[in-house]
Structure formats: structure tokens, C-alpha cells
Amino acid sequence: MSAPESVDQVLLTAAVVVIIVAGAALLTRIWRGPSMLDRAISLDVCAALIIAGLGAKSAMARDAFYFPIMLVLAFLGFTGSVGIARFIAIRDRPRKAVRDRPRTEEKPE
């Protein structure tokens, strides 16, 4: 094994270790997250970590097979995040009470 190949292996191994540590921290945030928004962001980060893991596996194998799968996962992660954000925005929107609305009086003709 040449020097550049051994450097590649060390860097890829370090990347996988960082991904695993980030995954453990992510599971902790999902488990302990005090709000629904924390859990939603954690699930978005989970999709990013899966994509990063597939990228590391693809780099280790020197195979481009996983690139379309990574693209689909990125699209699903984005649409899921947007959907959850819209749901939370609608749920947390302040509602005006019916009695607080000004009444419009209709004039009989």
C-alpha cells in the first residue's frame, strides 16, 4: 500500500468514527429532546448522517453505486423537514378568539 492510499484509509476511518459519534449524540438528542422541534431537527440530521455514511462507504469501496441513493435520501430529508416545519408553524400559530374579532354590522337596505 502506498503512502497516499494509507492516508486515504486513515482519513476515511476517522470520518466513519466521527459519523458514529455524531449518530450516538443524535440518538441522545432524539431521546431527550424536550420539544417536538428538537426531535424534528434531529431526524433531519439523521438523514444527513446516513448520507455521509453512504458517502464514506462509497469512497472506501471506490464505487459510485450509492450516489443516486444519496440523492434520493437528500430529497426525502429536505421534504420531510419542510413538512414538519410547516406543521409546527401551523400548530404554533397564535389563534384569535372569535369574541375578540371586531364585528361588522350589516346595514339593512
N, C-alpha and C. Protein backbone atom coordinates (compact mmCIF):
# COMPACT_ATOMS: atom_id res chain seq x y z
N MET A 1 0.85 -1.17 0.00
CA MET A 1 0.00 0.00 0.00
C MET A 1 0.90 1.24 0.00
N SER A 2 0.60 2.16 -0.89
CA SER A 2 1.42 3.37 -0.99
C SER A 2 1.01 4.37 0.09
N ALA A 3 1.80 5.42 0.22
CA ALA A 3 1.55 6.43 1.24
C ALA A 3 0.21 7.14 1.03
N PRO A 4 -0.13 7.58 -0.20
CA PRO A 4 -1.44 8.24 -0.36
C PRO A 4 -2.62 7.32 -0.05
N GLU A 5 -2.49 6.03 -0.36
CA GLU A 5 -3.58 5.10 -0.06
C GLU A 5 -3.73 4.92 1.44
N SER A 6 -2.63 4.87 2.17
CA SER A 6 -2.73 4.71 3.62
C SER A 6 -3.31 5.98 4.26
N VAL A 7 -2.98 7.15 3.72
CA VAL A 7 -3.56 8.40 4.22
C VAL A 7 -5.06 8.40 3.95
N ASP A 8 -5.46 7.95 2.76
CA ASP A 8 -6.89 7.85 2.44
C ASP A 8 -7.61 6.94 3.43
N GLN A 9 -7.02 5.81 3.74
CA GLN A 9 -7.65 4.87 4.68
C GLN A 9 -7.77 5.48 6.07
N VAL A 10 -6.75 6.19 6.51
CA VAL A 10 -6.80 6.81 7.84
C VAL A 10 -7.88 7.88 7.87
N LEU A 11 -7.95 8.71 6.84
CA LEU A 11 -8.96 9.77 6.80
C LEU A 11 -10.38 9.21 6.72
N LEU A 12 -10.56 8.17 5.92
CA LEU A 12 -11.89 7.57 5.82
C LEU A 12 -12.29 6.90 7.13
N THR A 13 -11.34 6.26 7.79
CA THR A 13 -11.64 5.65 9.09
C THR A 13 -12.00 6.73 10.11
N ALA A 14 -11.27 7.83 10.10
CA ALA A 14 -11.59 8.94 11.01
C ALA A 14 -12.98 9.51 10.70
N ALA A 15 -13.33 9.60 9.42
CA ALA A 15 -14.65 10.11 9.05
C ALA A 15 -15.75 9.17 9.55
N VAL A 16 -15.53 7.88 9.44
CA VAL A 16 -16.54 6.91 9.92
C VAL A 16 -16.68 7.01 11.43
N VAL A 17 -15.57 7.18 12.14
CA VAL A 17 -15.63 7.31 13.59
C VAL A 17 -16.41 8.57 13.98
N VAL A 18 -16.15 9.66 13.29
CA VAL A 18 -16.88 10.91 13.58
C VAL A 18 -18.38 10.73 13.29
N ILE A 19 -18.72 10.05 12.22
CA ILE A 19 -20.12 9.80 11.88
C ILE A 19 -20.79 8.96 12.97
N ILE A 20 -20.09 7.95 13.47
CA ILE A 20 -20.66 7.10 14.52
C ILE A 20 -20.86 7.89 15.82
N VAL A 21 -19.89 8.72 16.18
CA VAL A 21 -20.02 9.54 17.40
C VAL A 21 -21.18 10.53 17.23
N ALA A 22 -21.29 11.13 16.05
CA ALA A 22 -22.40 12.06 15.80
C ALA A 22 -23.74 11.33 15.85
N GLY A 23 -23.77 10.09 15.38
CA GLY A 23 -25.00 9.30 15.45
C GLY A 23 -25.40 9.01 16.89
N ALA A 24 -24.42 8.72 17.74
CA ALA A 24 -24.73 8.48 19.15
C ALA A 24 -25.27 9.75 19.81
N ALA A 25 -24.65 10.89 19.51
CA ALA A 25 -25.15 12.15 20.06
C ALA A 25 -26.55 12.47 19.52
N LEU A 26 -26.77 12.12 18.27
CA LEU A 26 -28.08 12.35 17.65
C LEU A 26 -29.16 11.52 18.33
N LEU A 27 -28.86 10.26 18.60
CA LEU A 27 -29.85 9.41 19.28
C LEU A 27 -30.16 9.94 20.68
N THR A 28 -29.15 10.48 21.33
CA THR A 28 -29.37 11.09 22.64
C THR A 28 -30.31 12.29 22.52
N ARG A 29 -30.12 13.11 21.50
CA ARG A 29 -30.97 14.28 21.31
C ARG A 29 -32.40 13.86 20.96
N ILE A 30 -32.55 12.83 20.16
CA ILE A 30 -33.90 12.36 19.83
C ILE A 30 -34.58 11.83 21.10
N TRP A 31 -33.85 11.10 21.92
CA TRP A 31 -34.43 10.51 23.12
C TRP A 31 -34.78 11.57 24.16
N ARG A 32 -33.89 12.54 24.38
CA ARG A 32 -34.08 13.52 25.44
C ARG A 32 -34.68 14.84 24.98
N GLY A 33 -34.83 15.03 23.67
CA GLY A 33 -35.28 16.32 23.15
C GLY A 33 -36.52 16.83 23.85
N PRO A 34 -36.44 18.02 24.43
CA PRO A 34 -37.59 18.49 25.20
C PRO A 34 -38.77 18.90 24.33
N SER A 35 -38.52 19.24 23.08
CA SER A 35 -39.64 19.70 22.26
C SER A 35 -39.72 18.89 20.97
N MET A 36 -40.83 19.03 20.32
CA MET A 36 -41.03 18.35 19.04
C MET A 36 -40.08 18.90 17.98
N LEU A 37 -39.76 20.18 18.07
CA LEU A 37 -38.86 20.78 17.10
C LEU A 37 -37.45 20.20 17.23
N ASP A 38 -36.99 19.92 18.45
CA ASP A 38 -35.68 19.29 18.64
C ASP A 38 -35.65 17.91 17.97
N ARG A 39 -36.71 17.18 18.13
CA ARG A 39 -36.76 15.85 17.53
C ARG A 39 -36.83 15.93 16.01
N ALA A 40 -37.54 16.91 15.48
CA ALA A 40 -37.63 17.08 14.03
C ALA A 40 -36.28 17.43 13.43
N ILE A 41 -35.56 18.32 14.08
CA ILE A 41 -34.22 18.69 13.60
C ILE A 41 -33.30 17.49 13.70
N SER A 42 -33.44 16.69 14.75
CA SER A 42 -32.61 15.51 14.91
C SER A 42 -32.87 14.50 13.79
N LEU A 43 -34.10 14.36 13.39
CA LEU A 43 -34.39 13.44 12.29
C LEU A 43 -33.82 13.94 10.97
N ASP A 44 -33.78 15.25 10.80
CA ASP A 44 -33.15 15.81 9.61
C ASP A 44 -31.65 15.56 9.62
N VAL A 45 -31.04 15.73 10.77
CA VAL A 45 -29.61 15.44 10.90
C VAL A 45 -29.34 13.94 10.71
N CYS A 46 -30.28 13.11 11.12
CA CYS A 46 -30.15 11.66 10.91
C CYS A 46 -30.07 11.34 9.43
N ALA A 47 -30.89 11.98 8.63
CA ALA A 47 -30.82 11.78 7.18
C ALA A 47 -29.46 12.22 6.64
N ALA A 48 -28.94 13.33 7.15
CA ALA A 48 -27.63 13.81 6.71
C ALA A 48 -26.52 12.84 7.11
N LEU A 49 -26.63 12.25 8.30
CA LEU A 49 -25.62 11.28 8.73
C LEU A 49 -25.68 10.00 7.90
N ILE A 50 -26.87 9.58 7.53
CA ILE A 50 -26.99 8.41 6.67
C ILE A 50 -26.34 8.70 5.31
N ILE A 51 -26.57 9.88 4.80
CA ILE A 51 -25.96 10.26 3.52
C ILE A 51 -24.44 10.30 3.66
N ALA A 52 -23.95 10.85 4.77
CA ALA A 52 -22.50 10.90 4.98
C ALA A 52 -21.92 9.49 5.12
N GLY A 53 -22.63 8.61 5.80
CA GLY A 53 -22.17 7.23 5.93
C GLY A 53 -22.12 6.52 4.59
N LEU A 54 -23.13 6.73 3.77
CA LEU A 54 -23.11 6.13 2.43
C LEU A 54 -21.99 6.71 1.59
N GLY A 55 -21.72 8.01 1.75
CA GLY A 55 -20.61 8.62 1.03
C GLY A 55 -19.28 8.03 1.45
N ALA A 56 -19.09 7.79 2.75
CA ALA A 56 -17.86 7.18 3.24
C ALA A 56 -17.73 5.75 2.73
N LYS A 57 -18.83 5.02 2.73
CA LYS A 57 -18.79 3.64 2.21
C LYS A 57 -18.47 3.63 0.73
N SER A 58 -19.05 4.56 0.01
CA SER A 58 -18.78 4.67 -1.42
C SER A 58 -17.31 5.04 -1.67
N ALA A 59 -16.75 5.91 -0.84
CA ALA A 59 -15.35 6.29 -1.00
C ALA A 59 -14.42 5.14 -0.65
N MET A 60 -14.78 4.37 0.38
CA MET A 60 -13.94 3.22 0.75
C MET A 60 -13.94 2.15 -0.34
N ALA A 61 -15.11 1.92 -0.92
CA ALA A 61 -15.22 0.90 -1.96
C ALA A 61 -14.81 1.42 -3.33
N ARG A 62 -14.63 2.74 -3.43
CA ARG A 62 -14.32 3.39 -4.71
C ARG A 62 -15.36 2.99 -5.77
N ASP A 63 -16.63 3.13 -5.35
CA ASP A 63 -17.74 2.75 -6.22
C ASP A 63 -18.79 3.86 -6.16
N ALA A 64 -19.33 4.22 -7.30
CA ALA A 64 -20.32 5.30 -7.38
C ALA A 64 -21.76 4.78 -7.32
N PHE A 65 -21.94 3.55 -6.87
CA PHE A 65 -23.27 2.94 -6.84
C PHE A 65 -24.23 3.68 -5.91
N TYR A 66 -23.73 4.23 -4.82
CA TYR A 66 -24.60 4.82 -3.80
C TYR A 66 -24.98 6.27 -4.07
N PHE A 67 -24.45 6.90 -5.08
CA PHE A 67 -24.74 8.31 -5.33
C PHE A 67 -26.22 8.58 -5.62
N PRO A 68 -26.90 7.79 -6.47
CA PRO A 68 -28.34 8.05 -6.65
C PRO A 68 -29.15 7.84 -5.37
N ILE A 69 -28.75 6.87 -4.56
CA ILE A 69 -29.43 6.63 -3.29
C ILE A 69 -29.24 7.82 -2.36
N MET A 70 -28.04 8.38 -2.35
CA MET A 70 -27.77 9.56 -1.52
C MET A 70 -28.60 10.75 -1.99
N LEU A 71 -28.77 10.89 -3.29
CA LEU A 71 -29.57 11.98 -3.83
C LEU A 71 -31.03 11.85 -3.42
N VAL A 72 -31.58 10.66 -3.49
CA VAL A 72 -32.97 10.43 -3.08
C VAL A 72 -33.14 10.68 -1.59
N LEU A 73 -32.19 10.22 -0.79
CA LEU A 73 -32.27 10.47 0.66
C LEU A 73 -32.19 11.95 0.98
N ALA A 74 -31.38 12.69 0.25
CA ALA A 74 -31.30 14.14 0.46
C ALA A 74 -32.63 14.80 0.14
N PHE A 75 -33.26 14.38 -0.94
CA PHE A 75 -34.57 14.94 -1.30
C PHE A 75 -35.62 14.60 -0.25
N LEU A 76 -35.63 13.36 0.21
CA LEU A 76 -36.61 12.96 1.23
C LEU A 76 -36.37 13.69 2.55
N GLY A 77 -35.11 13.87 2.91
CA GLY A 77 -34.81 14.61 4.14
C GLY A 77 -35.26 16.05 4.06
N PHE A 78 -35.05 16.67 2.90
CA PHE A 78 -35.47 18.06 2.72
C PHE A 78 -36.99 18.19 2.77
N THR A 79 -37.69 17.36 2.04
CA THR A 79 -39.15 17.46 2.03
C THR A 79 -39.74 17.12 3.40
N GLY A 80 -39.14 16.18 4.10
CA GLY A 80 -39.61 15.86 5.44
C GLY A 80 -39.42 17.02 6.39
N SER A 81 -38.28 17.69 6.29
CA SER A 81 -38.01 18.84 7.16
C SER A 81 -38.98 19.98 6.87
N VAL A 82 -39.23 20.23 5.60
CA VAL A 82 -40.16 21.29 5.24
C VAL A 82 -41.57 20.96 5.73
N GLY A 83 -41.97 19.71 5.58
CA GLY A 83 -43.29 19.29 6.05
C GLY A 83 -43.45 19.43 7.55
N ILE A 84 -42.44 19.01 8.28
CA ILE A 84 -42.51 19.13 9.74
C ILE A 84 -42.50 20.59 10.16
N ALA A 85 -41.68 21.41 9.51
CA ALA A 85 -41.63 22.83 9.84
C ALA A 85 -42.97 23.51 9.58
N ARG A 86 -43.62 23.15 8.49
CA ARG A 86 -44.93 23.75 8.20
C ARG A 86 -45.97 23.30 9.21
N PHE A 87 -45.91 22.03 9.59
CA PHE A 87 -46.84 21.52 10.59
C PHE A 87 -46.66 22.24 11.92
N ILE A 88 -45.41 22.41 12.34
CA ILE A 88 -45.14 23.08 13.60
C ILE A 88 -45.52 24.55 13.52
N ALA A 89 -45.29 25.19 12.37
CA ALA A 89 -45.65 26.60 12.21
C ALA A 89 -47.16 26.79 12.29
N ILE A 90 -47.92 25.89 11.70
CA ILE A 90 -49.38 25.99 11.75
C ILE A 90 -49.88 25.70 13.16
N ARG A 91 -49.28 24.71 13.80
CA ARG A 91 -49.71 24.34 15.15
C ARG A 91 -49.42 25.43 16.15
N ASP A 92 -48.28 26.11 16.00
CA ASP A 92 -47.88 27.13 16.97
C ASP A 92 -48.36 28.53 16.62
N ARG A 93 -49.10 28.67 15.55
CA ARG A 93 -49.60 29.99 15.16
C ARG A 93 -50.62 30.46 16.18
N PRO A 94 -50.51 31.69 16.65
CA PRO A 94 -51.49 32.18 17.63
C PRO A 94 -52.86 32.34 16.97
N ARG A 95 -53.85 31.87 17.66
CA ARG A 95 -55.22 31.96 17.13
C ARG A 95 -55.94 33.08 17.84
N LYS A 96 -56.69 33.86 17.08
CA LYS A 96 -57.51 34.90 17.68
C LYS A 96 -58.85 34.30 18.03
N ALA A 97 -59.30 34.65 19.17
CA ALA A 97 -60.60 34.13 19.61
C ALA A 97 -61.70 34.79 18.79
N VAL A 98 -62.78 34.08 18.67
CA VAL A 98 -63.91 34.59 17.89
C VAL A 98 -64.48 35.84 18.54
N ARG A 99 -64.48 35.87 19.86
CA ARG A 99 -65.06 37.03 20.54
C ARG A 99 -64.18 38.27 20.44
N ASP A 100 -62.89 38.11 20.11
CA ASP A 100 -62.00 39.26 20.00
C ASP A 100 -62.06 39.92 18.63
N ARG A 101 -62.70 39.29 17.70
CA ARG A 101 -62.78 39.87 16.36
C ARG A 101 -63.79 41.02 16.34
N PRO A 102 -63.47 42.07 15.61
CA PRO A 102 -64.46 43.16 15.51
C PRO A 102 -65.63 42.70 14.66
N ARG A 103 -66.79 43.04 15.12
CA ARG A 103 -67.99 42.64 14.38
C ARG A 103 -68.30 43.68 13.33
N THR A 104 -68.65 43.20 12.19
CA THR A 104 -69.09 44.12 11.11
C THR A 104 -70.61 44.09 11.10
N GLU A 105 -71.17 45.23 11.24
CA GLU A 105 -72.62 45.31 11.27
C GLU A 105 -73.12 45.55 9.86
N GLU A 106 -74.07 44.74 9.50
CA GLU A 106 -74.67 44.92 8.18
C GLU A 106 -75.84 45.89 8.30
N LYS A 107 -75.91 46.80 7.37
CA LYS A 107 -76.99 47.77 7.37
C LYS A 107 -78.11 47.25 6.49
N PRO A 108 -79.31 47.20 7.03
CA PRO A 108 -80.43 46.75 6.19
C PRO A 108 -80.79 47.84 5.16
N GLU A 109 -81.10 47.40 4.01
CA GLU A 109 -81.46 48.35 2.95
C GLU A 109 -82.93 48.44 2.75
